[in-house]
């Protein structure tokens, strides 16, 4: 499952015509693990949209979809030197642990309880 955040912008060309363009500014996705009960997520937000709540909204939405599919846990790897992403994960209630296979990463996990 993938969710995409779009922004539509209007500009005026040299002839005075209004041109509308749409671009992707964020993506969250999950892929189900082979155990069919957990999943791994990814999240990307365009630089100019960071710190505005888009990452939280995308993560909460992808977690809702995973929960609706009956998945019980969502997990991901976050670069250890990415404090903003780690702060976001902590704020969303993810557990943050060392990743024994590579010290450059942290393993973040969240149980998907039915609400």
C-alpha atoms as a PDB file:
ATOM      1  CA  UNK A   1       0.000   0.000   0.000  1.00  0.00           C
ATOM      2  CA  UNK A   2       1.251   3.465  -0.812  1.00  0.00           C
ATOM      3  CA  UNK A   3      -0.200   6.874  -0.040  1.00  0.00           C
ATOM      4  CA  UNK A   4       0.865   9.958  -1.944  1.00  0.00           C
ATOM      5  CA  UNK A   5       0.521  13.604  -0.905  1.00  0.00           C
ATOM      6  CA  UNK A   6       0.064  15.988  -3.814  1.00  0.00           C
ATOM      7  CA  UNK A   7       0.208  19.756  -4.078  1.00  0.00           C
ATOM      8  CA  UNK A   8      -1.310  21.676  -6.970  1.00  0.00           C
ATOM      9  CA  UNK A   9       0.266  24.998  -7.863  1.00  0.00           C
ATOM     10  CA  UNK A  10      -0.796  27.687 -10.302  1.00  0.00           C
ATOM     11  CA  UNK A  11       1.699  29.803 -12.212  1.00  0.00           C
ATOM     12  CA  UNK A  12       1.316  32.335 -14.978  1.00  0.00           C
ATOM     13  CA  UNK A  13       3.360  31.971 -18.143  1.00  0.00           C
ATOM     14  CA  UNK A  14       4.765  34.813 -20.254  1.00  0.00           C
ATOM     15  CA  UNK A  15       1.528  34.999 -22.283  1.00  0.00           C
ATOM     16  CA  UNK A  16      -0.498  35.550 -19.113  1.00  0.00           C
ATOM     17  CA  UNK A  17      -2.064  32.091 -19.135  1.00  0.00           C
ATOM     18  CA  UNK A  18      -2.555  30.288 -15.859  1.00  0.00           C
ATOM     19  CA  UNK A  19      -0.859  26.902 -15.775  1.00  0.00           C
ATOM     20  CA  UNK A  20      -1.751  24.371 -13.113  1.00  0.00           C
ATOM     21  CA  UNK A  21       0.761  21.709 -12.131  1.00  0.00           C
ATOM     22  CA  UNK A  22       0.590  18.938  -9.570  1.00  0.00           C
ATOM     23  CA  UNK A  23       3.569  17.351  -7.878  1.00  0.00           C
ATOM     24  CA  UNK A  24       4.199  14.689  -5.270  1.00  0.00           C
ATOM     25  CA  UNK A  25       5.427  16.141  -1.951  1.00  0.00           C
ATOM     26  CA  UNK A  26       5.215  13.054   0.244  1.00  0.00           C
ATOM     27  CA  UNK A  27       4.871   9.282   0.113  1.00  0.00           C
ATOM     28  CA  UNK A  28       4.268   6.700   2.806  1.00  0.00           C
ATOM     29  CA  UNK A  29       4.069   3.007   2.078  1.00  0.00           C
ATOM     30  CA  UNK A  30       4.167  -0.362   3.703  1.00  0.00           C
ATOM     31  CA  UNK A  31       4.994  -3.812   2.469  1.00  0.00           C
ATOM     32  CA  UNK A  32       3.750  -6.885   4.285  1.00  0.00           C
ATOM     33  CA  UNK A  33       6.464  -9.144   5.687  1.00  0.00           C
ATOM     34  CA  UNK A  34       6.502 -12.873   4.881  1.00  0.00           C
ATOM     35  CA  UNK A  35       4.881 -13.623   8.257  1.00  0.00           C
ATOM     36  CA  UNK A  36       1.758 -11.826   6.922  1.00  0.00           C
ATOM     37  CA  UNK A  37       1.138 -10.165  10.289  1.00  0.00           C
ATOM     38  CA  UNK A  38       3.780  -7.415  10.324  1.00  0.00           C
ATOM     39  CA  UNK A  39       4.924  -4.859   7.787  1.00  0.00           C
ATOM     40  CA  UNK A  40       7.785  -2.512   6.994  1.00  0.00           C
ATOM     41  CA  UNK A  41       7.155   1.157   6.230  1.00  0.00           C
ATOM     42  CA  UNK A  42       8.927   3.909   4.362  1.00  0.00           C
ATOM     43  CA  UNK A  43       8.295   7.642   4.449  1.00  0.00           C
ATOM     44  CA  UNK A  44       9.554  10.500   2.291  1.00  0.00           C
ATOM     45  CA  UNK A  45       8.552  14.168   2.537  1.00  0.00           C
ATOM     46  CA  UNK A  46       9.813  16.980   0.284  1.00  0.00           C
ATOM     47  CA  UNK A  47      12.196  19.317   2.097  1.00  0.00           C
ATOM     48  CA  UNK A  48       9.899  22.361   1.936  1.00  0.00           C
ATOM     49  CA  UNK A  49       7.084  20.379   3.605  1.00  0.00           C
ATOM     50  CA  UNK A  50       9.124  18.968   6.499  1.00  0.00           C
ATOM     51  CA  UNK A  51       8.071  20.084   9.961  1.00  0.00           C
ATOM     52  CA  UNK A  52       4.526  20.944   8.848  1.00  0.00           C
ATOM     53  CA  UNK A  53       2.735  17.775   9.952  1.00  0.00           C
ATOM     54  CA  UNK A  54       2.683  16.029   6.576  1.00  0.00           C
ATOM     55  CA  UNK A  55       4.921  13.176   7.741  1.00  0.00           C
ATOM     56  CA  UNK A  56       2.706  12.562  10.772  1.00  0.00           C
ATOM     57  CA  UNK A  57      -0.423  12.546   8.673  1.00  0.00           C
ATOM     58  CA  UNK A  58       1.061  10.167   6.103  1.00  0.00           C
ATOM     59  CA  UNK A  59       2.322   7.803   8.819  1.00  0.00           C
ATOM     60  CA  UNK A  60      -0.962   7.788  10.750  1.00  0.00           C
ATOM     61  CA  UNK A  61      -2.861   7.092   7.535  1.00  0.00           C
ATOM     62  CA  UNK A  62      -0.590   4.242   6.417  1.00  0.00           C
ATOM     63  CA  UNK A  63      -0.805   2.769   9.926  1.00  0.00           C
ATOM     64  CA  UNK A  64      -4.611   2.884   9.714  1.00  0.00           C
ATOM     65  CA  UNK A  65      -4.536   1.021   6.392  1.00  0.00           C
ATOM     66  CA  UNK A  66      -2.172  -1.610   7.812  1.00  0.00           C
ATOM     67  CA  UNK A  67      -4.412  -2.021  10.866  1.00  0.00           C
ATOM     68  CA  UNK A  68      -7.499  -2.422   8.640  1.00  0.00           C
ATOM     69  CA  UNK A  69      -5.680  -5.207   6.777  1.00  0.00           C
ATOM     70  CA  UNK A  70      -5.215  -7.051  10.064  1.00  0.00           C
ATOM     71  CA  UNK A  71      -1.498  -6.374  10.475  1.00  0.00           C
ATOM     72  CA  UNK A  72      -0.319  -6.287  14.072  1.00  0.00           C
ATOM     73  CA  UNK A  73       2.987  -4.400  13.905  1.00  0.00           C
ATOM     74  CA  UNK A  74       4.710  -1.856  11.670  1.00  0.00           C
ATOM     75  CA  UNK A  75       8.466  -1.394  11.653  1.00  0.00           C
ATOM     76  CA  UNK A  76      11.168   0.492   9.820  1.00  0.00           C
ATOM     77  CA  UNK A  77      14.788   1.527   9.809  1.00  0.00           C
ATOM     78  CA  UNK A  78      15.706   5.156  10.444  1.00  0.00           C
ATOM     79  CA  UNK A  79      19.154   6.624  10.060  1.00  0.00           C
ATOM     80  CA  UNK A  80      20.633   7.145  13.515  1.00  0.00           C
ATOM     81  CA  UNK A  81      21.772  10.638  12.450  1.00  0.00           C
ATOM     82  CA  UNK A  82      18.230  11.727  11.436  1.00  0.00           C
ATOM     83  CA  UNK A  83      16.956  13.361  14.645  1.00  0.00           C
ATOM     84  CA  UNK A  84      13.846  14.822  13.014  1.00  0.00           C
ATOM     85  CA  UNK A  85      12.611  11.427  11.817  1.00  0.00           C
ATOM     86  CA  UNK A  86      13.431   9.821  15.169  1.00  0.00           C
ATOM     87  CA  UNK A  87      11.507  12.611  16.914  1.00  0.00           C
ATOM     88  CA  UNK A  88       8.534  12.013  14.615  1.00  0.00           C
ATOM     89  CA  UNK A  89       8.588   8.275  15.309  1.00  0.00           C
ATOM     90  CA  UNK A  90       8.827   8.846  19.072  1.00  0.00           C
ATOM     91  CA  UNK A  91       5.947  11.317  18.890  1.00  0.00           C
ATOM     92  CA  UNK A  92       3.828   8.714  17.092  1.00  0.00           C
ATOM     93  CA  UNK A  93       4.505   6.192  19.858  1.00  0.00           C
ATOM     94  CA  UNK A  94       7.105   4.051  18.103  1.00  0.00           C
ATOM     95  CA  UNK A  95       9.650   2.161  20.176  1.00  0.00           C
ATOM     96  CA  UNK A  96      13.189   3.066  19.099  1.00  0.00           C
ATOM     97  CA  UNK A  97      15.934   0.478  19.483  1.00  0.00           C
ATOM     98  CA  UNK A  98      19.473  -0.108  18.275  1.00  0.00           C
ATOM     99  CA  UNK A  99      19.777  -2.062  15.061  1.00  0.00           C
ATOM    100  CA  UNK A 100      22.429  -4.695  15.822  1.00  0.00           C
ATOM    101  CA  UNK A 101      23.277  -5.368  12.171  1.00  0.00           C
ATOM    102  CA  UNK A 102      24.230  -1.744  11.433  1.00  0.00           C
ATOM    103  CA  UNK A 103      24.933   0.985  14.009  1.00  0.00           C
ATOM    104  CA  UNK A 104      24.046   3.657  11.420  1.00  0.00           C
ATOM    105  CA  UNK A 105      20.364   2.723  11.815  1.00  0.00           C
ATOM    106  CA  UNK A 106      17.722   2.545  14.519  1.00  0.00           C
ATOM    107  CA  UNK A 107      14.866   0.047  14.385  1.00  0.00           C
ATOM    108  CA  UNK A 108      11.500   1.670  15.081  1.00  0.00           C
ATOM    109  CA  UNK A 109       8.423  -0.439  15.801  1.00  0.00           C
ATOM    110  CA  UNK A 110       4.789   0.193  16.680  1.00  0.00           C
ATOM    111  CA  UNK A 111       2.068  -2.279  17.611  1.00  0.00           C
ATOM    112  CA  UNK A 112      -1.082  -1.773  15.559  1.00  0.00           C
ATOM    113  CA  UNK A 113      -3.820  -2.320  18.075  1.00  0.00           C
ATOM    114  CA  UNK A 114      -7.387  -2.273  16.862  1.00  0.00           C
ATOM    115  CA  UNK A 115      -9.064   0.911  18.025  1.00  0.00           C
END
